[in-house]
Amino acid sequence: MENQKPAFFIFDSKITNIEALAPYIEKVEETYKPFGGKLIVQGGKLEVFEGYAPQGIIVVLRFDNMEKAKAWYASDSYQAIISYRHAGAQANGWLVEGLAETI
């Protein structure tokens, strides 16, 4: 059986209106957990070694595979709150496939 490759949603988010963003922050965890999503990075210390600094904080969510990650993003529960993120932050987001674990 082939090992599945994990997938990572990476967001670079600059908060522009914390009050508008508050409902998103309050509810986002309950949207990704049913899809097996795990928060593995949220802000924290960052050092730039090459290129440009992010515009805001880095958030990384891990999913078991690309399909689950895409299903979360397209889900009714996430789409119901995404407008709060758009109202309260400017973000860039990427979905990146990781390497299969070989253990």
PDB file of N, CA and C in Angstrom:
ATOM      1  N   MET A   1       0.844  -1.192   0.000  1.00  0.00           N
ATOM      2  CA  MET A   1       0.000   0.000   0.000  1.00  0.00           C
ATOM      3  C   MET A   1       0.882   1.246   0.000  1.00  0.00           C
ATOM      4  N   GLU A   2       0.599   2.139  -0.892  1.00  0.00           N
ATOM      5  CA  GLU A   2       1.376   3.369  -1.023  1.00  0.00           C
ATOM      6  C   GLU A   2       1.083   4.319   0.127  1.00  0.00           C
ATOM      7  N   ASN A   3       2.139   4.924   0.653  1.00  0.00           N
ATOM      8  CA  ASN A   3       1.958   5.905   1.728  1.00  0.00           C
ATOM      9  C   ASN A   3       1.302   7.155   1.186  1.00  0.00           C
ATOM     10  N   GLN A   4       0.358   7.689   1.948  1.00  0.00           N
ATOM     11  CA  GLN A   4      -0.296   8.936   1.548  1.00  0.00           C
ATOM     12  C   GLN A   4       0.641  10.114   1.812  1.00  0.00           C
ATOM     13  N   LYS A   5       0.488  11.115   1.005  1.00  0.00           N
ATOM     14  CA  LYS A   5       1.268  12.328   1.190  1.00  0.00           C
ATOM     15  C   LYS A   5       0.418  13.348   1.944  1.00  0.00           C
ATOM     16  N   PRO A   6       0.948  13.902   3.028  1.00  0.00           N
ATOM     17  CA  PRO A   6       0.192  14.925   3.749  1.00  0.00           C
ATOM     18  C   PRO A   6       0.118  16.204   2.925  1.00  0.00           C
ATOM     19  N   ALA A   7      -0.800  17.062   3.302  1.00  0.00           N
ATOM     20  CA  ALA A   7      -0.949  18.354   2.623  1.00  0.00           C
ATOM     21  C   ALA A   7      -0.943  19.462   3.669  1.00  0.00           C
ATOM     22  N   PHE A   8      -0.409  20.595   3.283  1.00  0.00           N
ATOM     23  CA  PHE A   8      -0.264  21.710   4.203  1.00  0.00           C
ATOM     24  C   PHE A   8      -0.864  22.973   3.593  1.00  0.00           C
ATOM     25  N   PHE A   9      -1.841  23.559   4.286  1.00  0.00           N
ATOM     26  CA  PHE A   9      -2.317  24.886   3.929  1.00  0.00           C
ATOM     27  C   PHE A   9      -1.420  25.864   4.656  1.00  0.00           C
ATOM     28  N   ILE A  10      -0.826  26.775   3.922  1.00  0.00           N
ATOM     29  CA  ILE A  10       0.059  27.789   4.492  1.00  0.00           C
ATOM     30  C   ILE A  10      -0.555  29.150   4.199  1.00  0.00           C
ATOM     31  N   PHE A  11      -0.778  29.908   5.248  1.00  0.00           N
ATOM     32  CA  PHE A  11      -1.355  31.242   5.112  1.00  0.00           C
ATOM     33  C   PHE A  11      -0.390  32.273   5.673  1.00  0.00           C
ATOM     34  N   ASP A  12      -0.250  33.360   4.968  1.00  0.00           N
ATOM     35  CA  ASP A  12       0.495  34.540   5.407  1.00  0.00           C
ATOM     36  C   ASP A  12      -0.561  35.612   5.605  1.00  0.00           C
ATOM     37  N   SER A  13      -0.914  35.894   6.856  1.00  0.00           N
ATOM     38  CA  SER A  13      -2.063  36.756   7.162  1.00  0.00           C
ATOM     39  C   SER A  13      -1.663  38.021   7.904  1.00  0.00           C
ATOM     40  N   LYS A  14      -2.072  39.132   7.336  1.00  0.00           N
ATOM     41  CA  LYS A  14      -1.865  40.428   7.978  1.00  0.00           C
ATOM     42  C   LYS A  14      -3.221  40.890   8.519  1.00  0.00           C
ATOM     43  N   ILE A  15      -3.326  40.970   9.837  1.00  0.00           N
ATOM     44  CA  ILE A  15      -4.583  41.378  10.463  1.00  0.00           C
ATOM     45  C   ILE A  15      -4.774  42.875  10.256  1.00  0.00           C
ATOM     46  N   THR A  16      -5.943  43.220   9.719  1.00  0.00           N
ATOM     47  CA  THR A  16      -6.256  44.632   9.465  1.00  0.00           C
ATOM     48  C   THR A  16      -7.386  45.144  10.356  1.00  0.00           C
ATOM     49  N   ASN A  17      -8.203  44.227  10.882  1.00  0.00           N
ATOM     50  CA  ASN A  17      -9.326  44.620  11.741  1.00  0.00           C
ATOM     51  C   ASN A  17      -9.644  43.436  12.656  1.00  0.00           C
ATOM     52  N   ILE A  18      -9.082  43.443  13.856  1.00  0.00           N
ATOM     53  CA  ILE A  18      -9.220  42.310  14.765  1.00  0.00           C
ATOM     54  C   ILE A  18     -10.676  42.066  15.174  1.00  0.00           C
ATOM     55  N   GLU A  19     -11.465  43.133  15.280  1.00  0.00           N
ATOM     56  CA  GLU A  19     -12.877  42.958  15.649  1.00  0.00           C
ATOM     57  C   GLU A  19     -13.644  42.215  14.557  1.00  0.00           C
ATOM     58  N   ALA A  20     -13.376  42.560  13.310  1.00  0.00           N
ATOM     59  CA  ALA A  20     -14.034  41.882  12.193  1.00  0.00           C
ATOM     60  C   ALA A  20     -13.572  40.432  12.072  1.00  0.00           C
ATOM     61  N   LEU A  21     -12.337  40.166  12.474  1.00  0.00           N
ATOM     62  CA  LEU A  21     -11.751  38.833  12.381  1.00  0.00           C
ATOM     63  C   LEU A  21     -12.161  37.928  13.543  1.00  0.00           C
ATOM     64  N   ALA A  22     -12.606  38.495  14.639  1.00  0.00           N
ATOM     65  CA  ALA A  22     -12.893  37.735  15.866  1.00  0.00           C
ATOM     66  C   ALA A  22     -13.816  36.529  15.657  1.00  0.00           C
ATOM     67  N   PRO A  23     -14.928  36.639  14.929  1.00  0.00           N
ATOM     68  CA  PRO A  23     -15.777  35.456  14.742  1.00  0.00           C
ATOM     69  C   PRO A  23     -15.059  34.322  14.004  1.00  0.00           C
ATOM     70  N   TYR A  24     -14.183  34.661  13.085  1.00  0.00           N
ATOM     71  CA  TYR A  24     -13.393  33.657  12.366  1.00  0.00           C
ATOM     72  C   TYR A  24     -12.465  32.932  13.332  1.00  0.00           C
ATOM     73  N   ILE A  25     -11.737  33.698  14.134  1.00  0.00           N
ATOM     74  CA  ILE A  25     -10.800  33.120  15.095  1.00  0.00           C
ATOM     75  C   ILE A  25     -11.533  32.188  16.056  1.00  0.00           C
ATOM     76  N   GLU A  26     -12.707  32.604  16.473  1.00  0.00           N
ATOM     77  CA  GLU A  26     -13.503  31.823  17.424  1.00  0.00           C
ATOM     78  C   GLU A  26     -13.976  30.493  16.836  1.00  0.00           C
ATOM     79  N   LYS A  27     -14.265  30.445  15.528  1.00  0.00           N
ATOM     80  CA  LYS A  27     -14.918  29.278  14.932  1.00  0.00           C
ATOM     81  C   LYS A  27     -14.048  28.432  14.016  1.00  0.00           C
ATOM     82  N   VAL A  28     -12.897  28.911  13.588  1.00  0.00           N
ATOM     83  CA  VAL A  28     -12.147  28.204  12.541  1.00  0.00           C
ATOM     84  C   VAL A  28     -11.709  26.804  12.960  1.00  0.00           C
ATOM     85  N   GLU A  29     -11.307  26.618  14.198  1.00  0.00           N
ATOM     86  CA  GLU A  29     -10.835  25.301  14.633  1.00  0.00           C
ATOM     87  C   GLU A  29     -11.911  24.230  14.456  1.00  0.00           C
ATOM     88  N   GLU A  30     -13.149  24.567  14.761  1.00  0.00           N
ATOM     89  CA  GLU A  30     -14.220  23.571  14.631  1.00  0.00           C
ATOM     90  C   GLU A  30     -14.521  23.228  13.174  1.00  0.00           C
ATOM     91  N   THR A  31     -13.992  24.020  12.230  1.00  0.00           N
ATOM     92  CA  THR A  31     -14.215  23.707  10.812  1.00  0.00           C
ATOM     93  C   THR A  31     -13.171  22.746  10.257  1.00  0.00           C
ATOM     94  N   TYR A  32     -11.917  22.835  10.702  1.00  0.00           N
ATOM     95  CA  TYR A  32     -10.893  21.971  10.111  1.00  0.00           C
ATOM     96  C   TYR A  32     -10.721  20.642  10.841  1.00  0.00           C
ATOM     97  N   LYS A  33     -11.054  20.570  12.112  1.00  0.00           N
ATOM     98  CA  LYS A  33     -10.870  19.320  12.856  1.00  0.00           C
ATOM     99  C   LYS A  33     -11.659  18.140  12.266  1.00  0.00           C
ATOM    100  N   PRO A  34     -12.916  18.312  11.830  1.00  0.00           N
ATOM    101  CA  PRO A  34     -13.636  17.171  11.247  1.00  0.00           C
ATOM    102  C   PRO A  34     -12.980  16.612   9.971  1.00  0.00           C
ATOM    103  N   PHE A  35     -12.096  17.381   9.364  1.00  0.00           N
ATOM    104  CA  PHE A  35     -11.392  16.936   8.156  1.00  0.00           C
ATOM    105  C   PHE A  35      -9.987  16.414   8.484  1.00  0.00           C
ATOM    106  N   GLY A  36      -9.724  16.237   9.777  1.00  0.00           N
ATOM    107  CA  GLY A  36      -8.421  15.750  10.212  1.00  0.00           C
ATOM    108  C   GLY A  36      -7.354  16.821  10.231  1.00  0.00           C
ATOM    109  N   GLY A  37      -7.747  18.075  10.107  1.00  0.00           N
ATOM    110  CA  GLY A  37      -6.780  19.167  10.097  1.00  0.00           C
ATOM    111  C   GLY A  37      -6.175  19.408  11.469  1.00  0.00           C
ATOM    112  N   LYS A  38      -4.892  19.754  11.467  1.00  0.00           N
ATOM    113  CA  LYS A  38      -4.176  20.056  12.704  1.00  0.00           C
ATOM    114  C   LYS A  38      -3.410  21.361  12.518  1.00  0.00           C
ATOM    115  N   LEU A  39      -3.553  22.244  13.477  1.00  0.00           N
ATOM    116  CA  LEU A  39      -2.798  23.498  13.471  1.00  0.00           C
ATOM    117  C   LEU A  39      -1.386  23.190  13.939  1.00  0.00           C
ATOM    118  N   ILE A  40      -0.402  23.453  13.082  1.00  0.00           N
ATOM    119  CA  ILE A  40       0.977  23.159  13.474  1.00  0.00           C
ATOM    120  C   ILE A  40       1.855  24.403  13.593  1.00  0.00           C
ATOM    121  N   VAL A  41       1.423  25.522  13.010  1.00  0.00           N
ATOM    122  CA  VAL A  41       2.138  26.795  13.155  1.00  0.00           C
ATOM    123  C   VAL A  41       1.103  27.905  13.235  1.00  0.00           C
ATOM    124  N   GLN A  42       1.278  28.794  14.212  1.00  0.00           N
ATOM    125  CA  GLN A  42       0.429  29.982  14.297  1.00  0.00           C
ATOM    126  C   GLN A  42       1.279  31.112  14.854  1.00  0.00           C
ATOM    127  N   GLY A  43       1.807  31.907  13.937  1.00  0.00           N
ATOM    128  CA  GLY A  43       2.670  32.998  14.374  1.00  0.00           C
ATOM    129  C   GLY A  43       3.988  32.437  14.880  1.00  0.00           C
ATOM    130  N   GLY A  44       4.439  32.976  15.974  1.00  0.00           N
ATOM    131  CA  GLY A  44       5.706  32.518  16.539  1.00  0.00           C
ATOM    132  C   GLY A  44       6.877  33.267  15.929  1.00  0.00           C
ATOM    133  N   LYS A  45       8.013  32.995  16.473  1.00  0.00           N
ATOM    134  CA  LYS A  45       9.242  33.654  16.033  1.00  0.00           C
ATOM    135  C   LYS A  45       9.548  33.286  14.593  1.00  0.00           C
ATOM    136  N   LEU A  46       9.941  34.275  13.810  1.00  0.00           N
ATOM    137  CA  LEU A  46      10.238  34.073  12.401  1.00  0.00           C
ATOM    138  C   LEU A  46      11.486  34.860  12.044  1.00  0.00           C
ATOM    139  N   GLU A  47      12.386  34.249  11.330  1.00  0.00           N
ATOM    140  CA  GLU A  47      13.581  34.914  10.828  1.00  0.00           C
ATOM    141  C   GLU A  47      13.651  34.715   9.319  1.00  0.00           C
ATOM    142  N   VAL A  48      13.917  35.767   8.596  1.00  0.00           N
ATOM    143  CA  VAL A  48      14.045  35.694   7.142  1.00  0.00           C
ATOM    144  C   VAL A  48      15.516  35.490   6.800  1.00  0.00           C
ATOM    145  N   PHE A  49      15.784  34.439   6.034  1.00  0.00           N
ATOM    146  CA  PHE A  49      17.148  34.167   5.598  1.00  0.00           C
ATOM    147  C   PHE A  49      17.350  34.492   4.129  1.00  0.00           C
ATOM    148  N   GLU A  50      16.288  34.434   3.349  1.00  0.00           N
ATOM    149  CA  GLU A  50      16.353  34.779   1.931  1.00  0.00           C
ATOM    150  C   GLU A  50      15.020  35.381   1.523  1.00  0.00           C
ATOM    151  N   GLY A  51      15.059  36.249   0.553  1.00  0.00           N
ATOM    152  CA  GLY A  51      13.828  36.805   0.007  1.00  0.00           C
ATOM    153  C   GLY A  51      13.162  37.808   0.931  1.00  0.00           C
ATOM    154  N   TYR A  52      11.847  37.907   0.803  1.00  0.00           N
ATOM    155  CA  TYR A  52      11.066  38.911   1.501  1.00  0.00           C
ATOM    156  C   TYR A  52      10.393  38.340   2.734  1.00  0.00           C
ATOM    157  N   ALA A  53      10.200  39.185   3.714  1.00  0.00           N
ATOM    158  CA  ALA A  53       9.479  38.790   4.927  1.00  0.00           C
ATOM    159  C   ALA A  53       8.001  38.623   4.605  1.00  0.00           C
ATOM    160  N   PRO A  54       7.324  37.750   5.326  1.00  0.00           N
ATOM    161  CA  PRO A  54       5.869  37.645   5.150  1.00  0.00           C
ATOM    162  C   PRO A  54       5.215  38.968   5.507  1.00  0.00           C
ATOM    163  N   GLN A  55       4.001  39.189   4.998  1.00  0.00           N
ATOM    164  CA  GLN A  55       3.290  40.429   5.306  1.00  0.00           C
ATOM    165  C   GLN A  55       2.676  40.395   6.696  1.00  0.00           C
ATOM    166  N   GLY A  56       2.494  39.206   7.247  1.00  0.00           N
ATOM    167  CA  GLY A  56       1.847  39.084   8.554  1.00  0.00           C
ATOM    168  C   GLY A  56       2.329  37.842   9.273  1.00  0.00           C
ATOM    169  N   ILE A  57       1.399  37.154   9.946  1.00  0.00           N
ATOM    170  CA  ILE A  57       1.755  35.939  10.666  1.00  0.00           C
ATOM    171  C   ILE A  57       1.579  34.727   9.748  1.00  0.00           C
ATOM    172  N   ILE A  58       2.376  33.716  10.010  1.00  0.00           N
ATOM    173  CA  ILE A  58       2.289  32.477   9.243  1.00  0.00           C
ATOM    174  C   ILE A  58       1.432  31.485  10.028  1.00  0.00           C
ATOM    175  N   VAL A  59       0.488  30.879   9.326  1.00  0.00           N
ATOM    176  CA  VAL A  59      -0.360  29.829   9.889  1.00  0.00           C
ATOM    177  C   VAL A  59      -0.242  28.622   8.973  1.00  0.00           C
ATOM    178  N   VAL A  60       0.001  27.450   9.570  1.00  0.00           N
ATOM    179  CA  VAL A  60       0.114  26.217   8.798  1.00  0.00           C
ATOM    180  C   VAL A  60      -0.845  25.184   9.382  1.00  0.00           C
ATOM    181  N   LEU A  61      -1.687  24.643   8.519  1.00  0.00           N
ATOM    182  CA  LEU A  61      -2.587  23.548   8.867  1.00  0.00           C
ATOM    183  C   LEU A  61      -2.138  22.297   8.125  1.00  0.00           C
ATOM    184  N   ARG A  62      -2.085  21.172   8.829  1.00  0.00           N
ATOM    185  CA  ARG A  62      -1.705  19.895   8.212  1.00  0.00           C
ATOM    186  C   ARG A  62      -2.945  19.024   8.047  1.00  0.00           C
ATOM    187  N   PHE A  63      -3.068  18.412   6.884  1.00  0.00           N
ATOM    188  CA  PHE A  63      -4.138  17.459   6.592  1.00  0.00           C
ATOM    189  C   PHE A  63      -3.500  16.160   6.102  1.00  0.00           C
ATOM    190  N   ASP A  64      -4.242  15.072   6.151  1.00  0.00           N
ATOM    191  CA  ASP A  64      -3.710  13.774   5.736  1.00  0.00           C
ATOM    192  C   ASP A  64      -3.379  13.723   4.256  1.00  0.00           C
ATOM    193  N   ASN A  65      -4.098  14.505   3.442  1.00  0.00           N
ATOM    194  CA  ASN A  65      -3.854  14.494   1.998  1.00  0.00           C
ATOM    195  C   ASN A  65      -4.496  15.722   1.360  1.00  0.00           C
ATOM    196  N   MET A  66      -4.222  15.912   0.087  1.00  0.00           N
ATOM    197  CA  MET A  66      -4.731  17.075  -0.646  1.00  0.00           C
ATOM    198  C   MET A  66      -6.256  17.077  -0.693  1.00  0.00           C
ATOM    199  N   GLU A  67      -6.853  15.906  -0.872  1.00  0.00           N
ATOM    200  CA  GLU A  67      -8.309  15.832  -0.986  1.00  0.00           C
ATOM    201  C   GLU A  67      -9.001  16.320   0.278  1.00  0.00           C
ATOM    202  N   LYS A  68      -8.492  15.890   1.444  1.00  0.00           N
ATOM    203  CA  LYS A  68      -9.095  16.341   2.708  1.00  0.00           C
ATOM    204  C   LYS A  68      -8.894  17.841   2.901  1.00  0.00           C
ATOM    205  N   ALA A  69      -7.745  18.344   2.520  1.00  0.00           N
ATOM    206  CA  ALA A  69      -7.472  19.781   2.657  1.00  0.00           C
ATOM    207  C   ALA A  69      -8.417  20.593   1.773  1.00  0.00           C
ATOM    208  N   LYS A  70      -8.578  20.164   0.547  1.00  0.00           N
ATOM    209  CA  LYS A  70      -9.482  20.863  -0.368  1.00  0.00           C
ATOM    210  C   LYS A  70     -10.930  20.756   0.096  1.00  0.00           C
ATOM    211  N   ALA A  71     -11.300  19.591   0.628  1.00  0.00           N
ATOM    212  CA  ALA A  71     -12.661  19.404   1.128  1.00  0.00           C
ATOM    213  C   ALA A  71     -12.942  20.344   2.298  1.00  0.00           C
ATOM    214  N   TRP A  72     -11.959  20.534   3.180  1.00  0.00           N
ATOM    215  CA  TRP A  72     -12.131  21.494   4.283  1.00  0.00           C
ATOM    216  C   TRP A  72     -12.364  22.896   3.737  1.00  0.00           C
ATOM    217  N   TYR A  73     -11.485  23.337   2.838  1.00  0.00           N
ATOM    218  CA  TYR A  73     -11.585  24.701   2.326  1.00  0.00           C
ATOM    219  C   TYR A  73     -12.919  24.953   1.630  1.00  0.00           C
ATOM    220  N   ALA A  74     -13.426  23.964   0.925  1.00  0.00           N
ATOM    221  CA  ALA A  74     -14.687  24.099   0.186  1.00  0.00           C
ATOM    222  C   ALA A  74     -15.921  23.801   1.045  1.00  0.00           C
ATOM    223  N   SER A  75     -15.714  23.335   2.270  1.00  0.00           N
ATOM    224  CA  SER A  75     -16.834  22.907   3.116  1.00  0.00           C
ATOM    225  C   SER A  75     -17.779  24.058   3.451  1.00  0.00           C
ATOM    226  N   ASP A  76     -19.022  23.707   3.674  1.00  0.00           N
ATOM    227  CA  ASP A  76     -20.021  24.707   4.079  1.00  0.00           C
ATOM    228  C   ASP A  76     -19.607  25.394   5.373  1.00  0.00           C
ATOM    229  N   SER A  77     -19.048  24.628   6.316  1.00  0.00           N
ATOM    230  CA  SER A  77     -18.680  25.211   7.609  1.00  0.00           C
ATOM    231  C   SER A  77     -17.574  26.254   7.467  1.00  0.00           C
ATOM    232  N   TYR A  78     -16.580  25.987   6.610  1.00  0.00           N
ATOM    233  CA  TYR A  78     -15.516  26.977   6.434  1.00  0.00           C
ATOM    234  C   TYR A  78     -15.987  28.151   5.576  1.00  0.00           C
ATOM    235  N   GLN A  79     -16.712  27.858   4.528  1.00  0.00           N
ATOM    236  CA  GLN A  79     -17.201  28.941   3.672  1.00  0.00           C
ATOM    237  C   GLN A  79     -18.149  29.876   4.434  1.00  0.00           C
ATOM    238  N   ALA A  80     -18.808  29.367   5.470  1.00  0.00           N
ATOM    239  CA  ALA A  80     -19.710  30.198   6.280  1.00  0.00           C
ATOM    240  C   ALA A  80     -18.964  31.248   7.093  1.00  0.00           C
ATOM    241  N   ILE A  81     -17.666  31.043   7.342  1.00  0.00           N
ATOM    242  CA  ILE A  81     -16.911  32.011   8.159  1.00  0.00           C
ATOM    243  C   ILE A  81     -15.804  32.736   7.394  1.00  0.00           C
ATOM    244  N   ILE A  82     -15.535  32.332   6.172  1.00  0.00           N
ATOM    245  CA  ILE A  82     -14.410  32.921   5.445  1.00  0.00           C
ATOM    246  C   ILE A  82     -14.577  34.426   5.220  1.00  0.00           C
ATOM    247  N   SER A  83     -15.803  34.896   5.159  1.00  0.00           N
ATOM    248  CA  SER A  83     -16.025  36.333   4.960  1.00  0.00           C
ATOM    249  C   SER A  83     -15.475  37.145   6.135  1.00  0.00           C
ATOM    250  N   TYR A  84     -15.455  36.556   7.333  1.00  0.00           N
ATOM    251  CA  TYR A  84     -14.866  37.248   8.491  1.00  0.00           C
ATOM    252  C   TYR A  84     -13.355  37.402   8.318  1.00  0.00           C
ATOM    253  N   ARG A  85     -12.721  36.374   7.752  1.00  0.00           N
ATOM    254  CA  ARG A  85     -11.278  36.484   7.499  1.00  0.00           C
ATOM    255  C   ARG A  85     -11.012  37.539   6.447  1.00  0.00           C
ATOM    256  N   HIS A  86     -11.821  37.546   5.403  1.00  0.00           N
ATOM    257  CA  HIS A  86     -11.640  38.547   4.349  1.00  0.00           C
ATOM    258  C   HIS A  86     -11.868  39.962   4.881  1.00  0.00           C
ATOM    259  N   ALA A  87     -12.798  40.115   5.821  1.00  0.00           N
ATOM    260  CA  ALA A  87     -13.093  41.438   6.386  1.00  0.00           C
ATOM    261  C   ALA A  87     -12.025  41.902   7.366  1.00  0.00           C
ATOM    262  N   GLY A  88     -11.325  40.959   7.989  1.00  0.00           N
ATOM    263  CA  GLY A  88     -10.396  41.339   9.049  1.00  0.00           C
ATOM    264  C   GLY A  88      -8.934  41.106   8.772  1.00  0.00           C
ATOM    265  N   ALA A  89      -8.610  40.560   7.597  1.00  0.00           N
ATOM    266  CA  ALA A  89      -7.205  40.278   7.301  1.00  0.00           C
ATOM    267  C   ALA A  89      -6.973  40.241   5.797  1.00  0.00           C
ATOM    268  N   GLN A  90      -5.740  40.530   5.433  1.00  0.00           N
ATOM    269  CA  GLN A  90      -5.288  40.330   4.064  1.00  0.00           C
ATOM    270  C   GLN A  90      -4.402  39.099   4.109  1.00  0.00           C
ATOM    271  N   ALA A  91      -4.624  38.166   3.214  1.00  0.00           N
ATOM    272  CA  ALA A  91      -3.868  36.915   3.297  1.00  0.00           C
ATOM    273  C   ALA A  91      -3.484  36.388   1.930  1.00  0.00           C
ATOM    274  N   ASN A  92      -2.379  35.676   1.934  1.00  0.00           N
ATOM    275  CA  ASN A  92      -1.984  34.832   0.820  1.00  0.00           C
ATOM    276  C   ASN A  92      -2.085  33.414   1.351  1.00  0.00           C
ATOM    277  N   GLY A  93      -2.545  32.496   0.535  1.00  0.00           N
ATOM    278  CA  GLY A  93      -2.672  31.113   0.973  1.00  0.00           C
ATOM    279  C   GLY A  93      -2.213  30.158  -0.102  1.00  0.00           C
ATOM    280  N   TRP A  94      -1.554  29.083   0.342  1.00  0.00           N
ATOM    281  CA  TRP A  94      -1.045  28.065  -0.565  1.00  0.00           C
ATOM    282  C   TRP A  94      -1.375  26.690  -0.011  1.00  0.00           C
ATOM    283  N   LEU A  95      -1.664  25.764  -0.888  1.00  0.00           N
ATOM    284  CA  LEU A  95      -1.822  24.362  -0.508  1.00  0.00           C
ATOM    285  C   LEU A  95      -0.655  23.611  -1.115  1.00  0.00           C
ATOM    286  N   VAL A  96       0.116  22.955  -0.253  1.00  0.00           N
ATOM    287  CA  VAL A  96       1.339  22.290  -0.688  1.00  0.00           C
ATOM    288  C   VAL A  96       1.291  20.818  -0.279  1.00  0.00           C
ATOM    289  N   GLU A  97       1.583  19.946  -1.231  1.00  0.00           N
ATOM    290  CA  GLU A  97       1.650  18.530  -0.920  1.00  0.00           C
ATOM    291  C   GLU A  97       3.003  18.216  -0.300  1.00  0.00           C
ATOM    292  N   GLY A  98       2.987  17.472   0.801  1.00  0.00           N
ATOM    293  CA  GLY A  98       4.211  17.085   1.475  1.00  0.00           C
ATOM    294  C   GLY A  98       4.747  15.756   0.960  1.00  0.00           C
ATOM    295  N   LEU A  99       5.742  15.250   1.641  1.00  0.00           N
ATOM    296  CA  LEU A  99       6.357  13.970   1.285  1.00  0.00           C
ATOM    297  C   LEU A  99       5.699  12.859   2.083  1.00  0.00           C
ATOM    298  N   ALA A 100       5.565  11.704   1.461  1.00  0.00           N
ATOM    299  CA  ALA A 100       5.029  10.535   2.148  1.00  0.00           C
ATOM    300  C   ALA A 100       6.010  10.096   3.214  1.00  0.00           C
ATOM    301  N   GLU A 101       5.476   9.700   4.363  1.00  0.00           N
ATOM    302  CA  GLU A 101       6.338   9.189   5.426  1.00  0.00           C
ATOM    303  C   GLU A 101       6.787   7.797   5.027  1.00  0.00           C
ATOM    304  N   THR A 102       8.029   7.495   5.281  1.00  0.00           N
ATOM    305  CA  THR A 102       8.585   6.219   4.859  1.00  0.00           C
ATOM    306  C   THR A 102       8.777   5.259   6.027  1.00  0.00           C
ATOM    307  N   ILE A 103       8.278   5.615   7.166  1.00  0.00           N
ATOM    308  CA  ILE A 103       8.429   4.762   8.361  1.00  0.00           C
ATOM    309  C   ILE A 103       7.302   3.774   8.441  1.00  0.00           C
TER     310      ILE A 103
END
